[in-house]
Amino acid sequence: MKILKTVALISLISAGMTTAYAASDGALAVGGAPGTNSTGTFDFTINRQDAVRITGMTDLTIDTSGTATGAQTLTDSVCYYATTSDYSVDINSANDFVLQSVSGDSMDYTVTWTDSVAGTNQTFNDNANTALSPVVSSNTTSEDCGGGANLNATIQVNVSAAQFNGQPVGSYTDTVSVVIALQ
């Protein structure tokens, strides 16, 4: 008897747990009279999620020879897009902002992010890897800023003359990651 009551209770609980958002089939309509019909229903939901994207990044190469009289810099214009206006940026380097050659020589460098819309900037290097505080500014209409002159941020790499002149001839590389995050 106890097993029968348990099964009956489970059946009652299961019967009452129908999903309110489930589609339903129409009932069988019988008869050939005009107006005989069957109606089914379904719920339609669209979930628009917040999104963020960075586009327009290119590999940067400085080709130079001789002795540098000033810092070696190169700037790349990029686009950041966010569905909300608040974002933060964090720039990281595989070698802690040190360009390395295959022979083991190295040059320190910095990377500066400049938001041309908000007018803010942050320099990242091996001593200051702190993410830029949230910025209330972003392109919220086009994932690629419409390209060309509409790009809304710059990334600048900078090697000081002392770092450049203090190393032998060679190719020095590092990989930089730019992380844009919604706030």
Protein backbone atom coordinates (compact mmCIF):
# COMPACT_ATOMS: atom_id res chain seq x y z
CA MET A 1 0.00 0.00 0.00
CA LYS A 2 2.86 2.38 0.85
CA ILE A 3 4.41 1.86 -2.62
CA LEU A 4 1.07 2.59 -4.32
CA LYS A 5 0.69 5.88 -2.38
CA THR A 6 4.24 6.91 -3.33
CA VAL A 7 3.63 6.16 -7.02
CA ALA A 8 0.34 8.06 -6.92
CA LEU A 9 2.03 11.07 -5.25
CA ILE A 10 4.84 11.10 -7.86
CA SER A 11 2.25 10.91 -10.64
CA LEU A 12 0.33 13.87 -9.21
CA ILE A 13 3.49 15.95 -8.80
CA SER A 14 4.62 15.12 -12.35
CA ALA A 15 1.22 16.01 -13.79
CA GLY A 16 1.33 19.43 -12.13
CA MET A 17 4.83 20.24 -13.39
CA THR A 18 4.02 21.15 -16.97
CA THR A 19 6.08 23.94 -18.49
CA ALA A 20 4.16 27.17 -18.98
CA TYR A 21 6.24 28.03 -22.06
CA ALA A 22 5.80 24.80 -23.99
CA ALA A 23 4.25 24.65 -27.41
CA SER A 24 0.87 22.98 -27.63
CA ASP A 25 -0.74 21.02 -30.42
CA GLY A 26 -4.24 21.82 -31.50
CA ALA A 27 -7.09 19.46 -30.68
CA LEU A 28 -8.42 17.20 -33.40
CA ALA A 29 -11.25 19.02 -35.15
CA VAL A 30 -13.87 16.62 -36.45
CA GLY A 31 -16.63 17.41 -38.89
CA GLY A 32 -16.66 18.92 -42.28
CA ALA A 33 -18.63 22.05 -41.49
CA PRO A 34 -17.14 25.41 -42.51
CA GLY A 35 -15.27 26.96 -39.57
CA THR A 36 -14.10 23.68 -38.11
CA ASN A 37 -10.52 24.32 -37.00
CA SER A 38 -7.73 23.35 -34.72
CA THR A 39 -5.41 25.86 -33.05
CA GLY A 40 -1.86 25.26 -31.80
CA THR A 41 0.28 27.75 -29.93
CA PHE A 42 3.97 28.43 -29.32
CA ASP A 43 5.96 31.04 -27.43
CA PHE A 44 8.60 33.04 -29.24
CA THR A 45 11.60 34.43 -27.31
CA ILE A 46 14.65 36.33 -28.47
CA ASN A 47 17.52 36.89 -26.06
CA ARG A 48 19.75 39.79 -27.05
CA GLN A 49 23.03 39.48 -25.18
CA ASP A 50 25.56 42.20 -24.47
CA ALA A 51 28.51 41.94 -26.84
CA VAL A 52 31.96 43.41 -27.30
CA ARG A 53 34.43 43.24 -30.18
CA ILE A 54 37.77 44.69 -31.25
CA THR A 55 38.58 44.91 -34.96
CA GLY A 56 41.18 46.45 -37.24
CA MET A 57 44.25 45.15 -35.42
CA THR A 58 47.32 44.53 -37.57
CA ASP A 59 50.80 43.19 -36.94
CA LEU A 60 53.24 46.03 -36.25
CA THR A 61 56.81 46.08 -37.55
CA ILE A 62 59.36 48.85 -37.21
CA ASP A 63 62.12 48.57 -39.84
CA THR A 64 65.02 50.83 -38.96
CA SER A 65 68.79 50.85 -38.99
CA GLY A 66 71.62 52.85 -37.54
CA THR A 67 71.41 54.71 -34.26
CA ALA A 68 68.06 56.00 -33.05
CA THR A 69 67.97 59.63 -31.97
CA GLY A 70 64.53 59.25 -30.43
CA ALA A 71 62.01 56.65 -29.41
CA GLN A 72 60.93 54.13 -32.04
CA THR A 73 57.13 54.28 -32.20
CA LEU A 74 54.39 52.85 -34.34
CA THR A 75 50.64 53.42 -34.06
CA ASP A 76 47.72 51.27 -35.20
CA SER A 77 44.13 52.54 -35.37
CA VAL A 78 41.49 50.05 -34.21
CA CYS A 79 37.79 49.81 -33.49
CA TYR A 80 36.20 48.73 -30.23
CA TYR A 81 32.49 47.97 -30.19
CA ALA A 82 30.22 47.32 -27.23
CA THR A 83 26.47 47.02 -26.94
CA THR A 84 26.70 49.05 -23.74
CA SER A 85 28.74 52.19 -23.25
CA ASP A 86 30.92 50.98 -20.36
CA TYR A 87 34.03 48.94 -21.17
CA SER A 88 37.52 48.33 -19.87
CA VAL A 89 40.72 47.45 -21.69
CA ASP A 90 43.63 45.32 -20.56
CA ILE A 91 46.78 44.81 -22.60
CA ASN A 92 49.09 41.89 -21.90
CA SER A 93 52.32 40.66 -23.42
CA ALA A 94 53.61 37.11 -23.76
CA ASN A 95 57.08 38.30 -22.65
CA ASP A 96 56.03 40.94 -20.08
CA PHE A 97 56.56 43.81 -22.55
CA VAL A 98 60.03 42.69 -23.58
CA LEU A 99 60.92 42.16 -27.25
CA GLN A 100 63.19 39.12 -27.53
CA SER A 101 65.55 37.96 -30.25
CA VAL A 102 66.37 34.34 -31.06
CA SER A 103 69.89 34.93 -29.67
CA GLY A 104 68.45 35.98 -26.28
CA ASP A 105 68.90 39.74 -26.54
CA SER A 106 65.97 41.89 -25.45
CA MET A 107 64.42 45.36 -25.52
CA ASP A 108 61.80 46.71 -23.13
CA TYR A 109 58.85 48.51 -24.67
CA THR A 110 55.51 50.05 -23.77
CA VAL A 111 52.04 49.91 -25.32
CA THR A 112 49.63 52.83 -25.02
CA TRP A 113 45.87 52.51 -25.58
CA THR A 114 44.14 55.77 -26.48
CA ASP A 115 40.36 56.03 -26.66
CA SER A 116 39.77 58.82 -29.16
CA VAL A 117 36.09 59.15 -28.20
CA ALA A 118 36.55 59.48 -24.43
CA GLY A 119 39.95 61.16 -24.72
CA THR A 120 41.57 58.75 -22.24
CA ASN A 121 44.76 56.76 -22.47
CA GLN A 122 46.71 54.17 -20.51
CA THR A 123 50.27 52.96 -20.94
CA PHE A 124 51.04 49.31 -20.29
CA ASN A 125 54.53 47.95 -19.60
CA ASP A 126 56.33 45.40 -17.44
CA ASN A 127 55.87 47.61 -14.37
CA ALA A 128 52.25 48.69 -14.83
CA ASN A 129 49.97 45.94 -16.15
CA THR A 130 46.86 47.46 -14.63
CA ALA A 131 43.71 47.41 -16.72
CA LEU A 132 42.33 50.77 -17.78
CA SER A 133 39.50 51.80 -15.50
CA PRO A 134 36.04 51.40 -17.01
CA VAL A 135 35.37 53.99 -19.65
CA VAL A 136 31.92 55.36 -20.38
CA SER A 137 32.31 55.58 -24.11
CA SER A 138 32.15 53.17 -26.98
CA ASN A 139 30.90 52.62 -30.46
CA THR A 140 27.47 51.03 -29.98
CA THR A 141 26.26 51.12 -33.57
CA SER A 142 28.76 49.32 -35.80
CA GLU A 143 30.94 46.30 -35.01
CA ASP A 144 33.76 47.60 -37.23
CA CYS A 145 33.16 51.36 -36.74
CA GLY A 146 32.36 51.63 -40.42
CA GLY A 147 36.11 51.25 -41.13
CA GLY A 148 38.53 53.91 -42.31
CA ALA A 149 38.39 57.28 -40.61
CA ASN A 150 35.76 56.11 -38.10
CA LEU A 151 38.11 53.92 -36.03
CA ASN A 152 37.84 55.01 -32.41
CA ALA A 153 41.07 54.01 -30.64
CA THR A 154 44.80 53.73 -31.21
CA ILE A 155 47.42 51.31 -29.97
CA GLN A 156 50.95 52.71 -29.91
CA VAL A 157 54.11 50.69 -29.30
CA ASN A 158 57.19 52.52 -28.09
CA VAL A 159 60.84 51.42 -27.75
CA SER A 160 63.11 54.04 -26.18
CA ALA A 161 66.26 55.12 -28.02
CA ALA A 162 68.36 53.75 -25.14
CA GLN A 163 66.74 50.30 -25.41
CA PHE A 164 67.05 50.28 -29.20
CA ASN A 165 70.66 51.51 -29.33
CA GLY A 166 71.78 49.19 -26.54
CA GLN A 167 71.09 45.95 -28.44
CA PRO A 168 72.78 44.23 -31.38
CA VAL A 169 71.27 43.98 -34.85
CA GLY A 170 68.50 41.37 -35.02
CA SER A 171 64.80 40.73 -35.11
CA TYR A 172 63.01 41.20 -31.77
CA THR A 173 59.43 40.00 -31.25
CA ASP A 174 56.65 39.62 -28.72
CA THR A 175 52.92 38.87 -28.86
CA VAL A 176 50.50 41.43 -27.43
CA SER A 177 46.89 40.69 -26.42
CA VAL A 178 44.29 43.43 -26.15
CA VAL A 179 41.25 42.47 -24.07
CA ILE A 180 38.10 44.60 -24.24
CA ALA A 181 35.55 43.71 -21.56
CA LEU A 182 32.04 44.94 -20.81
CA GLN A 183 31.51 46.55 -17.44
